[in-house]
Amino acid sequence: MKKIFPGKTINVLKPLGNFTTDFHSKNRRHFFLIAGGSGITPIMGILKTALVNEPNSIITLIYCSRNEEQIIFKNQLNLLEKTNPDRLKVIHNLSQPSESWTGLKGRLSSELLRELFLRAEYEQRYEEVYFMCGPDGIMDIAQEVLNDLEIDKDRIYRESFFSAAAHQAHEEALKGINVGALSRDITVILEGEEYQVTVNPGKTVLESGLASGLNMPYSCQSGLCTACRGRLLSGEVKMDEDAGLSEKEIAAGYVLCCVSRPVTDDIKITIE
């Protein structure tokens, strides 16, 4: 266990990721927040920020939990809904509720989402924005409904706590499925300095950089948080997961080093 003493300097990364929006007191929006389990954590931050910073906006939270006891922030949500009755509506959906539960239960209904989304889209006073975070199943249902309704992608925000694709790729690498691939020497530009890094088969750019002694930034190592983001100046890499990047970032050449594997020999990546 490491101990921290007065006077110790700690390096902290700035807030990263695309699961956010610009808040303004003049905005008039309807926030649709869809959360499942611990996915309520980032959703709660958006909810509170919208209540404080956008007095003309309203919020609908659809929160899926296993049972009453596992509703995270239950008391806080009740209090926020009670103190903001005209601005906040919380809809709980439980998969394994007690017999006394009278609310929604079972699998999250696409019919319910479609009805709520359509009703909101027909309301001209607000601009709807959609945030979802939780298990893939819950987010996929919401995403399918939004796609069917042809909602603009720029109004949809999605965040994952776990990347099944990245996990599977990592397991395959450990099992030797990537054996036979080539070791490749790449160039990493860190704090203005160029370093040569050898990436062996089954390894990612981040793993190889760290093994070479480079102080490359990282956090989740699953391709979600974007702390390891770099920009590809040349060459080609394969990302196991790119959910943390927006389409504009991918088009601009940004990659996530923690899930990037070299495909060509002329790779140069700058960590910005």
C-alpha atoms as a PDB file:
ATOM      1  CA  MET A   1       0.000   0.000   0.000  1.00  0.00           C
ATOM      2  CA  LYS A   2       1.365   3.409  -0.985  1.00  0.00           C
ATOM      3  CA  LYS A   3       1.245   6.230   1.515  1.00  0.00           C
ATOM      4  CA  ILE A   4       0.719   9.880   0.662  1.00  0.00           C
ATOM      5  CA  PHE A   5       2.414  12.538   2.772  1.00  0.00           C
ATOM      6  CA  PRO A   6       2.009  16.347   2.851  1.00  0.00           C
ATOM      7  CA  GLY A   7       4.021  17.924   0.061  1.00  0.00           C
ATOM      8  CA  LYS A   8       3.671  14.929  -2.259  1.00  0.00           C
ATOM      9  CA  THR A   9       2.948  15.844  -5.885  1.00  0.00           C
ATOM     10  CA  ILE A  10       0.258  13.831  -7.680  1.00  0.00           C
ATOM     11  CA  ASN A  11      -0.344  14.031 -11.415  1.00  0.00           C
ATOM     12  CA  VAL A  12      -4.037  14.048 -12.315  1.00  0.00           C
ATOM     13  CA  LEU A  13      -5.539  13.727 -15.774  1.00  0.00           C
ATOM     14  CA  LYS A  14      -8.134  16.262 -16.836  1.00  0.00           C
ATOM     15  CA  PRO A  15     -11.752  15.061 -17.365  1.00  0.00           C
ATOM     16  CA  LEU A  16     -11.932  13.024 -20.571  1.00  0.00           C
ATOM     17  CA  GLY A  17     -14.531  11.414 -22.803  1.00  0.00           C
ATOM     18  CA  ASN A  18     -17.568  12.401 -24.859  1.00  0.00           C
ATOM     19  CA  PHE A  19     -20.325  11.492 -22.417  1.00  0.00           C
ATOM     20  CA  THR A  20     -21.233  15.086 -21.674  1.00  0.00           C
ATOM     21  CA  THR A  21     -22.743  18.206 -23.185  1.00  0.00           C
ATOM     22  CA  ASP A  22     -22.346  21.958 -22.900  1.00  0.00           C
ATOM     23  CA  PHE A  23     -24.760  23.351 -20.335  1.00  0.00           C
ATOM     24  CA  HIS A  24     -26.218  26.870 -20.539  1.00  0.00           C
ATOM     25  CA  SER A  25     -28.894  28.662 -18.551  1.00  0.00           C
ATOM     26  CA  LYS A  26     -30.757  29.651 -21.741  1.00  0.00           C
ATOM     27  CA  ASN A  27     -31.056  26.075 -23.055  1.00  0.00           C
ATOM     28  CA  ARG A  28     -34.506  24.557 -23.198  1.00  0.00           C
ATOM     29  CA  ARG A  29     -33.984  20.818 -23.471  1.00  0.00           C
ATOM     30  CA  HIS A  30     -35.587  17.543 -22.492  1.00  0.00           C
ATOM     31  CA  PHE A  31     -32.936  15.185 -21.119  1.00  0.00           C
ATOM     32  CA  PHE A  32     -33.808  11.512 -21.543  1.00  0.00           C
ATOM     33  CA  LEU A  33     -31.490   9.563 -19.232  1.00  0.00           C
ATOM     34  CA  ILE A  34     -31.482   5.748 -19.476  1.00  0.00           C
ATOM     35  CA  ALA A  35     -29.439   3.949 -16.812  1.00  0.00           C
ATOM     36  CA  GLY A  36     -28.916   0.377 -15.688  1.00  0.00           C
ATOM     37  CA  GLY A  37     -27.332  -0.668 -12.390  1.00  0.00           C
ATOM     38  CA  SER A  38     -24.098   1.188 -11.642  1.00  0.00           C
ATOM     39  CA  GLY A  39     -24.537   3.027 -14.945  1.00  0.00           C
ATOM     40  CA  ILE A  40     -26.485   5.550 -12.873  1.00  0.00           C
ATOM     41  CA  THR A  41     -23.160   6.978 -11.652  1.00  0.00           C
ATOM     42  CA  PRO A  42     -22.323   9.244 -14.639  1.00  0.00           C
ATOM     43  CA  ILE A  43     -26.035   9.735 -15.335  1.00  0.00           C
ATOM     44  CA  MET A  44     -26.486  11.178 -11.842  1.00  0.00           C
ATOM     45  CA  GLY A  45     -23.851  13.815 -12.546  1.00  0.00           C
ATOM     46  CA  ILE A  46     -25.615  14.887 -15.744  1.00  0.00           C
ATOM     47  CA  LEU A  47     -28.969  14.944 -13.970  1.00  0.00           C
ATOM     48  CA  LYS A  48     -27.759  17.191 -11.157  1.00  0.00           C
ATOM     49  CA  THR A  49     -25.861  19.491 -13.499  1.00  0.00           C
ATOM     50  CA  ALA A  50     -28.883  19.942 -15.749  1.00  0.00           C
ATOM     51  CA  LEU A  51     -31.122  20.769 -12.773  1.00  0.00           C
ATOM     52  CA  VAL A  52     -28.725  23.452 -11.539  1.00  0.00           C
ATOM     53  CA  ASN A  53     -27.449  24.938 -14.793  1.00  0.00           C
ATOM     54  CA  GLU A  54     -30.464  24.677 -17.099  1.00  0.00           C
ATOM     55  CA  PRO A  55     -33.532  25.961 -15.211  1.00  0.00           C
ATOM     56  CA  ASN A  56     -35.645  25.843 -18.385  1.00  0.00           C
ATOM     57  CA  SER A  57     -34.857  22.183 -19.137  1.00  0.00           C
ATOM     58  CA  ILE A  58     -36.702  19.079 -17.967  1.00  0.00           C
ATOM     59  CA  ILE A  59     -35.470  15.527 -17.286  1.00  0.00           C
ATOM     60  CA  THR A  60     -36.889  12.020 -17.624  1.00  0.00           C
ATOM     61  CA  LEU A  61     -34.805   9.281 -15.977  1.00  0.00           C
ATOM     62  CA  ILE A  62     -35.493   5.630 -16.813  1.00  0.00           C
ATOM     63  CA  TYR A  63     -33.522   3.562 -14.302  1.00  0.00           C
ATOM     64  CA  CYS A  64     -33.280  -0.249 -14.464  1.00  0.00           C
ATOM     65  CA  SER A  65     -32.276  -2.129 -11.307  1.00  0.00           C
ATOM     66  CA  ARG A  66     -32.545  -5.687 -10.009  1.00  0.00           C
ATOM     67  CA  ASN A  67     -34.732  -4.981  -6.963  1.00  0.00           C
ATOM     68  CA  GLU A  68     -35.715  -2.219  -4.558  1.00  0.00           C
ATOM     69  CA  GLU A  69     -32.665  -2.697  -2.347  1.00  0.00           C
ATOM     70  CA  GLN A  70     -30.272  -2.305  -5.281  1.00  0.00           C
ATOM     71  CA  ILE A  71     -31.556   1.047  -6.515  1.00  0.00           C
ATOM     72  CA  ILE A  72     -28.416   3.156  -6.219  1.00  0.00           C
ATOM     73  CA  PHE A  73     -29.025   6.767  -5.093  1.00  0.00           C
ATOM     74  CA  LYS A  74     -32.599   5.793  -4.236  1.00  0.00           C
ATOM     75  CA  ASN A  75     -33.048   8.368  -1.455  1.00  0.00           C
ATOM     76  CA  GLN A  76     -31.299  11.115  -3.406  1.00  0.00           C
ATOM     77  CA  LEU A  77     -33.457  10.473  -6.473  1.00  0.00           C
ATOM     78  CA  ASN A  78     -36.616  10.553  -4.375  1.00  0.00           C
ATOM     79  CA  LEU A  79     -35.565  13.858  -2.850  1.00  0.00           C
ATOM     80  CA  LEU A  80     -34.596  15.406  -6.186  1.00  0.00           C
ATOM     81  CA  GLU A  81     -37.887  14.344  -7.744  1.00  0.00           C
ATOM     82  CA  LYS A  82     -39.843  15.709  -4.781  1.00  0.00           C
ATOM     83  CA  THR A  83     -38.060  19.080  -4.871  1.00  0.00           C
ATOM     84  CA  ASN A  84     -38.323  19.354  -8.683  1.00  0.00           C
ATOM     85  CA  PRO A  85     -41.802  17.951  -9.429  1.00  0.00           C
ATOM     86  CA  ASP A  86     -42.251  19.953 -12.617  1.00  0.00           C
ATOM     87  CA  ARG A  87     -38.805  19.238 -14.015  1.00  0.00           C
ATOM     88  CA  LEU A  88     -37.785  15.704 -13.036  1.00  0.00           C
ATOM     89  CA  LYS A  89     -39.629  12.428 -13.623  1.00  0.00           C
ATOM     90  CA  VAL A  90     -38.016   9.172 -12.447  1.00  0.00           C
ATOM     91  CA  ILE A  91     -39.253   5.862 -13.888  1.00  0.00           C
ATOM     92  CA  HIS A  92     -37.918   2.727 -12.161  1.00  0.00           C
ATOM     93  CA  ASN A  93     -37.885  -0.653 -13.920  1.00  0.00           C
ATOM     94  CA  LEU A  94     -36.981  -3.698 -11.772  1.00  0.00           C
ATOM     95  CA  SER A  95     -36.036  -7.122 -13.116  1.00  0.00           C
ATOM     96  CA  GLN A  96     -36.528  -9.041  -9.842  1.00  0.00           C
ATOM     97  CA  PRO A  97     -38.815  -6.906  -7.647  1.00  0.00           C
ATOM     98  CA  SER A  98     -40.569  -7.902  -4.453  1.00  0.00           C
ATOM     99  CA  GLU A  99     -44.238  -8.930  -4.563  1.00  0.00           C
ATOM    100  CA  SER A 100     -45.258  -5.520  -3.256  1.00  0.00           C
ATOM    101  CA  TRP A 101     -43.649  -3.664  -6.176  1.00  0.00           C
ATOM    102  CA  THR A 102     -46.241  -1.866  -8.289  1.00  0.00           C
ATOM    103  CA  GLY A 103     -43.957  -0.192 -10.812  1.00  0.00           C
ATOM    104  CA  LEU A 104     -42.477  -1.451 -14.089  1.00  0.00           C
ATOM    105  CA  LYS A 105     -40.802  -4.843 -13.976  1.00  0.00           C
ATOM    106  CA  GLY A 106     -39.104  -7.378 -16.213  1.00  0.00           C
ATOM    107  CA  ARG A 107     -37.218  -6.563 -19.401  1.00  0.00           C
ATOM    108  CA  LEU A 108     -37.101  -2.890 -20.337  1.00  0.00           C
ATOM    109  CA  SER A 109     -39.881  -2.404 -22.849  1.00  0.00           C
ATOM    110  CA  SER A 110     -39.049  -0.985 -26.250  1.00  0.00           C
ATOM    111  CA  GLU A 111     -42.745  -0.081 -26.547  1.00  0.00           C
ATOM    112  CA  LEU A 112     -42.479   2.113 -23.440  1.00  0.00           C
ATOM    113  CA  LEU A 113     -39.363   3.832 -24.753  1.00  0.00           C
ATOM    114  CA  ARG A 114     -40.915   4.384 -28.154  1.00  0.00           C
ATOM    115  CA  GLU A 115     -44.032   5.944 -26.614  1.00  0.00           C
ATOM    116  CA  LEU A 116     -41.993   8.252 -24.358  1.00  0.00           C
ATOM    117  CA  PHE A 117     -39.570   9.258 -27.108  1.00  0.00           C
ATOM    118  CA  LEU A 118     -42.311   9.910 -29.665  1.00  0.00           C
ATOM    119  CA  ARG A 119     -44.341  11.976 -27.228  1.00  0.00           C
ATOM    120  CA  ALA A 120     -41.268  14.083 -26.435  1.00  0.00           C
ATOM    121  CA  GLU A 121     -40.250  14.512 -30.075  1.00  0.00           C
ATOM    122  CA  TYR A 122     -43.711  15.901 -30.900  1.00  0.00           C
ATOM    123  CA  GLU A 123     -43.315  18.473 -28.103  1.00  0.00           C
ATOM    124  CA  GLN A 124     -41.919  21.564 -29.802  1.00  0.00           C
ATOM    125  CA  ARG A 125     -40.947  23.506 -26.669  1.00  0.00           C
ATOM    126  CA  TYR A 126     -37.859  21.420 -25.974  1.00  0.00           C
ATOM    127  CA  GLU A 127     -34.878  19.942 -27.781  1.00  0.00           C
ATOM    128  CA  GLU A 128     -34.487  16.286 -26.815  1.00  0.00           C
ATOM    129  CA  VAL A 129     -31.090  14.787 -25.937  1.00  0.00           C
ATOM    130  CA  TYR A 130     -30.525  11.153 -24.976  1.00  0.00           C
ATOM    131  CA  PHE A 131     -27.928   9.755 -22.569  1.00  0.00           C
ATOM    132  CA  MET A 132     -27.609   6.044 -21.809  1.00  0.00           C
ATOM    133  CA  CYS A 133     -25.237   4.094 -19.585  1.00  0.00           C
ATOM    134  CA  GLY A 134     -25.486   0.527 -18.333  1.00  0.00           C
ATOM    135  CA  PRO A 135     -25.409  -3.080 -19.565  1.00  0.00           C
ATOM    136  CA  ASP A 136     -25.259  -3.499 -23.346  1.00  0.00           C
ATOM    137  CA  GLY A 137     -28.721  -5.088 -23.436  1.00  0.00           C
ATOM    138  CA  ILE A 138     -30.424  -2.027 -21.989  1.00  0.00           C
ATOM    139  CA  MET A 139     -28.482   0.394 -24.157  1.00  0.00           C
ATOM    140  CA  ASP A 140     -29.072  -1.688 -27.290  1.00  0.00           C
ATOM    141  CA  ILE A 141     -32.854  -1.601 -26.768  1.00  0.00           C
ATOM    142  CA  ALA A 142     -32.807   2.178 -26.374  1.00  0.00           C
ATOM    143  CA  GLN A 143     -30.470   2.577 -29.348  1.00  0.00           C
ATOM    144  CA  GLU A 144     -32.698   0.441 -31.584  1.00  0.00           C
ATOM    145  CA  VAL A 145     -35.747   2.556 -30.746  1.00  0.00           C
ATOM    146  CA  LEU A 146     -33.835   5.774 -31.408  1.00  0.00           C
ATOM    147  CA  ASN A 147     -32.573   4.395 -34.711  1.00  0.00           C
ATOM    148  CA  ASP A 148     -36.100   3.398 -35.741  1.00  0.00           C
ATOM    149  CA  LEU A 149     -37.287   6.918 -34.962  1.00  0.00           C
ATOM    150  CA  GLU A 150     -34.358   8.304 -37.001  1.00  0.00           C
ATOM    151  CA  ILE A 151     -33.141  10.482 -34.135  1.00  0.00           C
ATOM    152  CA  ASP A 152     -30.064  12.527 -35.073  1.00  0.00           C
ATOM    153  CA  LYS A 153     -26.890  10.781 -33.837  1.00  0.00           C
ATOM    154  CA  ASP A 154     -25.559  14.092 -32.534  1.00  0.00           C
ATOM    155  CA  ARG A 155     -28.307  14.048 -29.898  1.00  0.00           C
ATOM    156  CA  ILE A 156     -27.457  10.542 -28.614  1.00  0.00           C
ATOM    157  CA  TYR A 157     -24.735   9.846 -26.038  1.00  0.00           C
ATOM    158  CA  ARG A 158     -23.726   6.345 -24.979  1.00  0.00           C
ATOM    159  CA  GLU A 159     -21.277   5.243 -22.282  1.00  0.00           C
ATOM    160  CA  SER A 160     -20.122   1.767 -21.189  1.00  0.00           C
ATOM    161  CA  PHE A 161     -18.442   0.600 -17.996  1.00  0.00           C
ATOM    162  CA  PHE A 162     -17.369  -2.679 -19.596  1.00  0.00           C
ATOM    163  CA  SER A 163     -16.207  -3.534 -23.107  1.00  0.00           C
ATOM    164  CA  ALA A 164     -17.022  -7.092 -24.106  1.00  0.00           C
ATOM    165  CA  ALA A 165     -15.135  -6.662 -27.392  1.00  0.00           C
ATOM    166  CA  ALA A 166     -11.942  -5.484 -25.722  1.00  0.00           C
ATOM    167  CA  HIS A 167     -12.200  -8.227 -23.092  1.00  0.00           C
ATOM    168  CA  GLN A 168     -12.612 -10.892 -25.767  1.00  0.00           C
ATOM    169  CA  ALA A 169      -9.633  -9.566 -27.747  1.00  0.00           C
ATOM    170  CA  HIS A 170      -7.503  -9.574 -24.602  1.00  0.00           C
ATOM    171  CA  GLU A 171      -8.508 -13.170 -23.818  1.00  0.00           C
ATOM    172  CA  GLU A 172      -7.673 -14.230 -27.367  1.00  0.00           C
ATOM    173  CA  ALA A 173      -4.256 -12.610 -27.102  1.00  0.00           C
ATOM    174  CA  LEU A 174      -3.571 -14.426 -23.831  1.00  0.00           C
ATOM    175  CA  LYS A 175      -4.565 -17.758 -25.398  1.00  0.00           C
ATOM    176  CA  GLY A 176      -2.114 -17.242 -28.216  1.00  0.00           C
ATOM    177  CA  ILE A 177      -4.648 -16.727 -30.985  1.00  0.00           C
ATOM    178  CA  ASN A 178      -2.479 -13.881 -32.278  1.00  0.00           C
ATOM    179  CA  VAL A 179       0.642 -16.054 -32.403  1.00  0.00           C
ATOM    180  CA  GLY A 180       2.186 -15.824 -35.832  1.00  0.00           C
ATOM    181  CA  ALA A 181       1.713 -12.066 -36.095  1.00  0.00           C
ATOM    182  CA  LEU A 182       4.814  -9.936 -36.456  1.00  0.00           C
ATOM    183  CA  SER A 183       6.645  -7.855 -33.897  1.00  0.00           C
ATOM    184  CA  ARG A 184       6.581  -4.273 -35.112  1.00  0.00           C
ATOM    185  CA  ASP A 185       8.699  -1.256 -34.240  1.00  0.00           C
ATOM    186  CA  ILE A 186       6.600   1.869 -33.905  1.00  0.00           C
ATOM    187  CA  THR A 187       7.269   5.501 -32.998  1.00  0.00           C
ATOM    188  CA  VAL A 188       5.530   7.101 -30.028  1.00  0.00           C
ATOM    189  CA  ILE A 189       5.744  10.870 -29.531  1.00  0.00           C
ATOM    190  CA  LEU A 190       5.318  11.693 -25.855  1.00  0.00           C
ATOM    191  CA  GLU A 191       5.685  15.233 -24.486  1.00  0.00           C
ATOM    192  CA  GLY A 192       7.428  16.271 -27.715  1.00  0.00           C
ATOM    193  CA  GLU A 193      10.024  13.474 -27.624  1.00  0.00           C
ATOM    194  CA  GLU A 194      10.128  10.549 -30.056  1.00  0.00           C
ATOM    195  CA  TYR A 195      10.584   7.005 -28.737  1.00  0.00           C
ATOM    196  CA  GLN A 196      10.980   3.706 -30.553  1.00  0.00           C
ATOM    197  CA  VAL A 197       8.789   0.952 -29.122  1.00  0.00           C
ATOM    198  CA  THR A 198       8.662  -2.711 -30.124  1.00  0.00           C
ATOM    199  CA  VAL A 199       5.144  -4.138 -30.050  1.00  0.00           C
ATOM    200  CA  ASN A 200       5.236  -7.928 -29.802  1.00  0.00           C
ATOM    201  CA  PRO A 201       2.416 -10.221 -31.013  1.00  0.00           C
ATOM    202  CA  GLY A 202      -0.628 -10.100 -28.771  1.00  0.00           C
ATOM    203  CA  LYS A 203       0.398  -6.811 -27.153  1.00  0.00           C
ATOM    204  CA  THR A 204      -1.169  -3.372 -27.466  1.00  0.00           C
ATOM    205  CA  VAL A 205       0.590  -0.075 -28.058  1.00  0.00           C
ATOM    206  CA  LEU A 206       0.001   0.961 -24.450  1.00  0.00           C
ATOM    207  CA  GLU A 207       1.242  -2.317 -22.957  1.00  0.00           C
ATOM    208  CA  SER A 208       4.411  -2.136 -25.046  1.00  0.00           C
ATOM    209  CA  GLY A 209       4.994   1.543 -24.273  1.00  0.00           C
ATOM    210  CA  LEU A 210       4.666   0.984 -20.548  1.00  0.00           C
ATOM    211  CA  ALA A 211       6.971  -2.047 -20.743  1.00  0.00           C
ATOM    212  CA  SER A 212       9.536   0.213 -22.438  1.00  0.00           C
ATOM    213  CA  GLY A 213       9.413   2.619 -19.501  1.00  0.00           C
ATOM    214  CA  LEU A 214       7.291   5.337 -21.133  1.00  0.00           C
ATOM    215  CA  ASN A 215       4.981   7.269 -18.819  1.00  0.00           C
ATOM    216  CA  MET A 216       1.996   6.990 -21.144  1.00  0.00           C
ATOM    217  CA  PRO A 217      -1.383   8.089 -19.730  1.00  0.00           C
ATOM    218  CA  TYR A 218      -4.090   5.459 -19.218  1.00  0.00           C
ATOM    219  CA  SER A 219      -6.939   4.469 -16.941  1.00  0.00           C
ATOM    220  CA  CYS A 220      -9.605   1.867 -17.845  1.00  0.00           C
ATOM    221  CA  GLN A 221      -7.496  -0.148 -20.367  1.00  0.00           C
ATOM    222  CA  SER A 222     -10.739  -1.200 -22.058  1.00  0.00           C
ATOM    223  CA  GLY A 223     -11.081   1.418 -24.789  1.00  0.00           C
ATOM    224  CA  LEU A 224     -13.775   3.385 -22.988  1.00  0.00           C
ATOM    225  CA  CYS A 225     -12.382   6.273 -20.936  1.00  0.00           C
ATOM    226  CA  THR A 226     -10.070   7.808 -23.646  1.00  0.00           C
ATOM    227  CA  ALA A 227      -7.299   8.602 -21.125  1.00  0.00           C
ATOM    228  CA  CYS A 228      -4.836   6.816 -23.444  1.00  0.00           C
ATOM    229  CA  ARG A 229      -5.978   8.656 -26.578  1.00  0.00           C
ATOM    230  CA  GLY A 230      -3.352   9.420 -29.213  1.00  0.00           C
ATOM    231  CA  ARG A 231      -3.399  10.611 -32.812  1.00  0.00           C
ATOM    232  CA  LEU A 232      -2.161   8.344 -35.570  1.00  0.00           C
ATOM    233  CA  LEU A 233       0.194  10.335 -37.814  1.00  0.00           C
ATOM    234  CA  SER A 234       1.049   7.420 -40.102  1.00  0.00           C
ATOM    235  CA  GLY A 235       0.486   3.699 -40.454  1.00  0.00           C
ATOM    236  CA  GLU A 236      -2.506   1.620 -39.471  1.00  0.00           C
ATOM    237  CA  VAL A 237      -3.654   0.035 -36.226  1.00  0.00           C
ATOM    238  CA  LYS A 238      -6.565  -2.237 -35.337  1.00  0.00           C
ATOM    239  CA  MET A 239      -8.573  -1.194 -32.294  1.00  0.00           C
ATOM    240  CA  ASP A 240     -10.280  -3.939 -30.284  1.00  0.00           C
ATOM    241  CA  GLU A 241     -12.827  -1.344 -29.174  1.00  0.00           C
ATOM    242  CA  ASP A 242     -13.488   2.248 -30.244  1.00  0.00           C
ATOM    243  CA  ALA A 243     -16.624   3.032 -28.212  1.00  0.00           C
ATOM    244  CA  GLY A 244     -14.777   5.772 -26.326  1.00  0.00           C
ATOM    245  CA  LEU A 245     -14.200   7.802 -29.484  1.00  0.00           C
ATOM    246  CA  SER A 246     -16.679   9.871 -31.443  1.00  0.00           C
ATOM    247  CA  GLU A 247     -17.028   9.455 -35.202  1.00  0.00           C
ATOM    248  CA  LYS A 248     -15.329  12.836 -35.668  1.00  0.00           C
ATOM    249  CA  GLU A 249     -12.355  11.771 -33.534  1.00  0.00           C
ATOM    250  CA  ILE A 250     -11.941   8.529 -35.476  1.00  0.00           C
ATOM    251  CA  ALA A 251     -12.108  10.453 -38.760  1.00  0.00           C
ATOM    252  CA  ALA A 252      -9.425  12.826 -37.429  1.00  0.00           C
ATOM    253  CA  GLY A 253      -7.080   9.886 -36.801  1.00  0.00           C
ATOM    254  CA  TYR A 254      -7.427   9.448 -33.064  1.00  0.00           C
ATOM    255  CA  VAL A 255      -6.847   5.991 -31.585  1.00  0.00           C
ATOM    256  CA  LEU A 256      -6.975   4.433 -28.139  1.00  0.00           C
ATOM    257  CA  CYS A 257      -3.535   3.067 -27.324  1.00  0.00           C
ATOM    258  CA  CYS A 258      -4.812   0.582 -24.724  1.00  0.00           C
ATOM    259  CA  VAL A 259      -6.693  -1.416 -27.380  1.00  0.00           C
ATOM    260  CA  SER A 260      -4.618  -0.603 -30.486  1.00  0.00           C
ATOM    261  CA  ARG A 261      -2.571  -3.283 -32.217  1.00  0.00           C
ATOM    262  CA  PRO A 262      -0.161  -2.483 -35.112  1.00  0.00           C
ATOM    263  CA  VAL A 263      -1.113  -3.578 -38.600  1.00  0.00           C
ATOM    264  CA  THR A 264       1.730  -1.889 -40.541  1.00  0.00           C
ATOM    265  CA  ASP A 265       5.377  -1.003 -39.837  1.00  0.00           C
ATOM    266  CA  ASP A 266       5.226   2.763 -40.440  1.00  0.00           C
ATOM    267  CA  ILE A 267       3.230   3.614 -37.329  1.00  0.00           C
ATOM    268  CA  LYS A 268       3.757   6.952 -35.610  1.00  0.00           C
ATOM    269  CA  ILE A 269       1.462   7.978 -32.780  1.00  0.00           C
ATOM    270  CA  THR A 270       1.522  11.266 -30.880  1.00  0.00           C
ATOM    271  CA  ILE A 271       0.080  11.446 -27.378  1.00  0.00           C
ATOM    272  CA  GLU A 272      -1.601  14.854 -27.099  1.00  0.00           C
END
